[in-house]
Amino acid sequence: MKEPIFLTIEEILKTHQRSIELYGSSGGVRDFESLLSTINTPSSTFE
């Protein structure tokens, strides 16, 4: 089984920005610490 590839915060923020450009919405991240926690959870629990 191959190791999973986890997205970095930079990749996620770029994807978010691109979505805003394509579909519209307000920019920014409401709770950056919560976002970081959500991003890091899968990689910290993967064995």
PDB file of N, CA and C in Angstrom:
ATOM      1  N   MET A   1       0.847  -1.181   0.000  1.00  0.00           N
ATOM      2  CA  MET A   1       0.000   0.000   0.000  1.00  0.00           C
ATOM      3  C   MET A   1       0.890   1.240   0.000  1.00  0.00           C
ATOM      4  N   LYS A   2       0.526   2.196  -0.846  1.00  0.00           N
ATOM      5  CA  LYS A   2       1.300   3.432  -0.919  1.00  0.00           C
ATOM      6  C   LYS A   2       0.973   4.347   0.255  1.00  0.00           C
ATOM      7  N   GLU A   3       1.950   5.156   0.615  1.00  0.00           N
ATOM      8  CA  GLU A   3       1.741   6.177   1.635  1.00  0.00           C
ATOM      9  C   GLU A   3       0.799   7.243   1.085  1.00  0.00           C
ATOM     10  N   PRO A   4      -0.129   7.732   1.896  1.00  0.00           N
ATOM     11  CA  PRO A   4      -1.001   8.808   1.412  1.00  0.00           C
ATOM     12  C   PRO A   4      -0.230  10.116   1.274  1.00  0.00           C
ATOM     13  N   ILE A   5      -0.729  10.972   0.439  1.00  0.00           N
ATOM     14  CA  ILE A   5      -0.146  12.299   0.261  1.00  0.00           C
ATOM     15  C   ILE A   5      -1.097  13.296   0.917  1.00  0.00           C
ATOM     16  N   PHE A   6      -0.602  14.015   1.906  1.00  0.00           N
ATOM     17  CA  PHE A   6      -1.417  14.988   2.621  1.00  0.00           C
ATOM     18  C   PHE A   6      -1.151  16.382   2.075  1.00  0.00           C
ATOM     19  N   LEU A   7      -2.221  17.160   1.897  1.00  0.00           N
ATOM     20  CA  LEU A   7      -2.079  18.526   1.409  1.00  0.00           C
ATOM     21  C   LEU A   7      -1.447  19.409   2.479  1.00  0.00           C
ATOM     22  N   THR A   8      -0.658  20.374   2.029  1.00  0.00           N
ATOM     23  CA  THR A   8      -0.069  21.349   2.945  1.00  0.00           C
ATOM     24  C   THR A   8      -1.027  22.522   3.117  1.00  0.00           C
ATOM     25  N   ILE A   9      -0.785  23.336   4.120  1.00  0.00           N
ATOM     26  CA  ILE A   9      -1.603  24.522   4.343  1.00  0.00           C
ATOM     27  C   ILE A   9      -1.529  25.447   3.127  1.00  0.00           C
ATOM     28  N   GLU A  10      -0.362  25.541   2.514  1.00  0.00           N
ATOM     29  CA  GLU A  10      -0.198  26.392   1.341  1.00  0.00           C
ATOM     30  C   GLU A  10      -1.074  25.900   0.191  1.00  0.00           C
ATOM     31  N   GLU A  11      -1.098  24.591  -0.037  1.00  0.00           N
ATOM     32  CA  GLU A  11      -1.915  24.024  -1.116  1.00  0.00           C
ATOM     33  C   GLU A  11      -3.402  24.249  -0.853  1.00  0.00           C
ATOM     34  N   ILE A  12      -3.802  24.094   0.379  1.00  0.00           N
ATOM     35  CA  ILE A  12      -5.207  24.284   0.733  1.00  0.00           C
ATOM     36  C   ILE A  12      -5.616  25.742   0.561  1.00  0.00           C
ATOM     37  N   LEU A  13      -4.772  26.662   0.995  1.00  0.00           N
ATOM     38  CA  LEU A  13      -5.098  28.080   0.858  1.00  0.00           C
ATOM     39  C   LEU A  13      -5.131  28.509  -0.608  1.00  0.00           C
ATOM     40  N   LYS A  14      -4.242  27.955  -1.436  1.00  0.00           N
ATOM     41  CA  LYS A  14      -4.267  28.262  -2.864  1.00  0.00           C
ATOM     42  C   LYS A  14      -5.540  27.731  -3.509  1.00  0.00           C
ATOM     43  N   THR A  15      -5.950  26.539  -3.132  1.00  0.00           N
ATOM     44  CA  THR A  15      -7.181  25.959  -3.657  1.00  0.00           C
ATOM     45  C   THR A  15      -8.387  26.783  -3.229  1.00  0.00           C
ATOM     46  N   HIS A  16      -8.389  27.218  -1.990  1.00  0.00           N
ATOM     47  CA  HIS A  16      -9.466  28.056  -1.472  1.00  0.00           C
ATOM     48  C   HIS A  16      -9.535  29.373  -2.244  1.00  0.00           C
ATOM     49  N   GLN A  17      -8.399  29.993  -2.471  1.00  0.00           N
ATOM     50  CA  GLN A  17      -8.357  31.249  -3.215  1.00  0.00           C
ATOM     51  C   GLN A  17      -8.853  31.059  -4.639  1.00  0.00           C
ATOM     52  N   ARG A  18      -8.458  29.966  -5.259  1.00  0.00           N
ATOM     53  CA  ARG A  18      -8.898  29.684  -6.629  1.00  0.00           C
ATOM     54  C   ARG A  18     -10.414  29.486  -6.684  1.00  0.00           C
ATOM     55  N   SER A  19     -10.961  28.808  -5.678  1.00  0.00           N
ATOM     56  CA  SER A  19     -12.417  28.604  -5.618  1.00  0.00           C
ATOM     57  C   SER A  19     -13.145  29.930  -5.495  1.00  0.00           C
ATOM     58  N   ILE A  20     -12.613  30.836  -4.692  1.00  0.00           N
ATOM     59  CA  ILE A  20     -13.213  32.156  -4.524  1.00  0.00           C
ATOM     60  C   ILE A  20     -13.181  32.914  -5.849  1.00  0.00           C
ATOM     61  N   GLU A  21     -12.070  32.822  -6.556  1.00  0.00           N
ATOM     62  CA  GLU A  21     -11.955  33.498  -7.851  1.00  0.00           C
ATOM     63  C   GLU A  21     -12.960  32.936  -8.861  1.00  0.00           C
ATOM     64  N   LEU A  22     -13.151  31.631  -8.853  1.00  0.00           N
ATOM     65  CA  LEU A  22     -14.041  30.992  -9.822  1.00  0.00           C
ATOM     66  C   LEU A  22     -15.513  31.161  -9.477  1.00  0.00           C
ATOM     67  N   TYR A  23     -15.853  31.023  -8.212  1.00  0.00           N
ATOM     68  CA  TYR A  23     -17.255  30.938  -7.820  1.00  0.00           C
ATOM     69  C   TYR A  23     -17.737  32.100  -6.960  1.00  0.00           C
ATOM     70  N   GLY A  24     -16.809  32.943  -6.522  1.00  0.00           N
ATOM     71  CA  GLY A  24     -17.180  34.085  -5.697  1.00  0.00           C
ATOM     72  C   GLY A  24     -17.405  33.706  -4.239  1.00  0.00           C
ATOM     73  N   SER A  25     -17.209  34.639  -3.388  1.00  0.00           N
ATOM     74  CA  SER A  25     -17.430  34.505  -1.950  1.00  0.00           C
ATOM     75  C   SER A  25     -16.513  35.495  -1.271  1.00  0.00           C
ATOM     76  N   SER A  26     -16.645  35.578   0.033  1.00  0.00           N
ATOM     77  CA  SER A  26     -15.722  36.445   0.759  1.00  0.00           C
ATOM     78  C   SER A  26     -14.424  35.674   0.992  1.00  0.00           C
ATOM     79  N   GLY A  27     -13.329  36.365   0.975  1.00  0.00           N
ATOM     80  CA  GLY A  27     -12.029  35.728   1.138  1.00  0.00           C
ATOM     81  C   GLY A  27     -11.667  35.535   2.592  1.00  0.00           C
ATOM     82  N   GLY A  28     -10.535  34.916   2.801  1.00  0.00           N
ATOM     83  CA  GLY A  28     -10.015  34.751   4.142  1.00  0.00           C
ATOM     84  C   GLY A  28     -10.448  33.463   4.807  1.00  0.00           C
ATOM     85  N   VAL A  29      -9.852  33.236   5.960  1.00  0.00           N
ATOM     86  CA  VAL A  29     -10.149  32.053   6.759  1.00  0.00           C
ATOM     87  C   VAL A  29     -10.662  32.537   8.107  1.00  0.00           C
ATOM     88  N   ARG A  30     -11.803  32.048   8.520  1.00  0.00           N
ATOM     89  CA  ARG A  30     -12.421  32.514   9.761  1.00  0.00           C
ATOM     90  C   ARG A  30     -11.619  32.091  10.995  1.00  0.00           C
ATOM     91  N   ASP A  31     -11.183  30.826  11.031  1.00  0.00           N
ATOM     92  CA  ASP A  31     -10.480  30.313  12.213  1.00  0.00           C
ATOM     93  C   ASP A  31      -9.256  29.514  11.747  1.00  0.00           C
ATOM     94  N   PHE A  32      -8.131  30.202  11.638  1.00  0.00           N
ATOM     95  CA  PHE A  32      -6.912  29.598  11.094  1.00  0.00           C
ATOM     96  C   PHE A  32      -6.411  28.448  11.973  1.00  0.00           C
ATOM     97  N   GLU A  33      -6.477  28.590  13.283  1.00  0.00           N
ATOM     98  CA  GLU A  33      -6.013  27.523  14.189  1.00  0.00           C
ATOM     99  C   GLU A  33      -6.844  26.256  14.023  1.00  0.00           C
ATOM    100  N   SER A  34      -8.140  26.421  13.847  1.00  0.00           N
ATOM    101  CA  SER A  34      -9.010  25.270  13.619  1.00  0.00           C
ATOM    102  C   SER A  34      -8.683  24.602  12.287  1.00  0.00           C
ATOM    103  N   LEU A  35      -8.396  25.398  11.279  1.00  0.00           N
ATOM    104  CA  LEU A  35      -7.994  24.860   9.985  1.00  0.00           C
ATOM    105  C   LEU A  35      -6.709  24.044  10.115  1.00  0.00           C
ATOM    106  N   LEU A  36      -5.726  24.574  10.808  1.00  0.00           N
ATOM    107  CA  LEU A  36      -4.467  23.846  11.011  1.00  0.00           C
ATOM    108  C   LEU A  36      -4.695  22.523  11.733  1.00  0.00           C
ATOM    109  N   SER A  37      -5.528  22.554  12.748  1.00  0.00           N
ATOM    110  CA  SER A  37      -5.837  21.334  13.488  1.00  0.00           C
ATOM    111  C   SER A  37      -6.496  20.296  12.590  1.00  0.00           C
ATOM    112  N   THR A  38      -7.419  20.743  11.772  1.00  0.00           N
ATOM    113  CA  THR A  38      -8.125  19.845  10.856  1.00  0.00           C
ATOM    114  C   THR A  38      -7.172  19.243   9.832  1.00  0.00           C
ATOM    115  N   ILE A  39      -6.250  20.035   9.351  1.00  0.00           N
ATOM    116  CA  ILE A  39      -5.279  19.557   8.361  1.00  0.00           C
ATOM    117  C   ILE A  39      -4.325  18.532   8.974  1.00  0.00           C
ATOM    118  N   ASN A  40      -3.892  18.769  10.200  1.00  0.00           N
ATOM    119  CA  ASN A  40      -2.889  17.912  10.821  1.00  0.00           C
ATOM    120  C   ASN A  40      -3.446  16.620  11.404  1.00  0.00           C
ATOM    121  N   THR A  41      -4.732  16.553  11.659  1.00  0.00           N
ATOM    122  CA  THR A  41      -5.310  15.353  12.280  1.00  0.00           C
ATOM    123  C   THR A  41      -5.095  14.078  11.459  1.00  0.00           C
ATOM    124  N   PRO A  42      -5.394  14.047  10.159  1.00  0.00           N
ATOM    125  CA  PRO A  42      -5.209  12.791   9.417  1.00  0.00           C
ATOM    126  C   PRO A  42      -3.756  12.308   9.410  1.00  0.00           C
ATOM    127  N   SER A  43      -2.816  13.194   9.233  1.00  0.00           N
ATOM    128  CA  SER A  43      -1.410  12.767   9.179  1.00  0.00           C
ATOM    129  C   SER A  43      -0.904  12.298  10.535  1.00  0.00           C
ATOM    130  N   SER A  44      -1.457  12.822  11.608  1.00  0.00           N
ATOM    131  CA  SER A  44      -0.993  12.414  12.941  1.00  0.00           C
ATOM    132  C   SER A  44      -1.610  11.089  13.366  1.00  0.00           C
ATOM    133  N   THR A  45      -2.713  10.679  12.743  1.00  0.00           N
ATOM    134  CA  THR A  45      -3.353   9.415  13.110  1.00  0.00           C
ATOM    135  C   THR A  45      -3.058   8.295  12.120  1.00  0.00           C
ATOM    136  N   PHE A  46      -2.400   8.605  11.023  1.00  0.00           N
ATOM    137  CA  PHE A  46      -2.099   7.578  10.028  1.00  0.00           C
ATOM    138  C   PHE A  46      -0.918   6.745  10.495  1.00  0.00           C
ATOM    139  N   GLU A  47      -1.063   5.445  10.379  1.00  0.00           N
ATOM    140  CA  GLU A  47       0.041   4.549  10.775  1.00  0.00           C
ATOM    141  C   GLU A  47       0.672   3.912   9.564  1.00  0.00           C
TER     142      GLU A  47
END
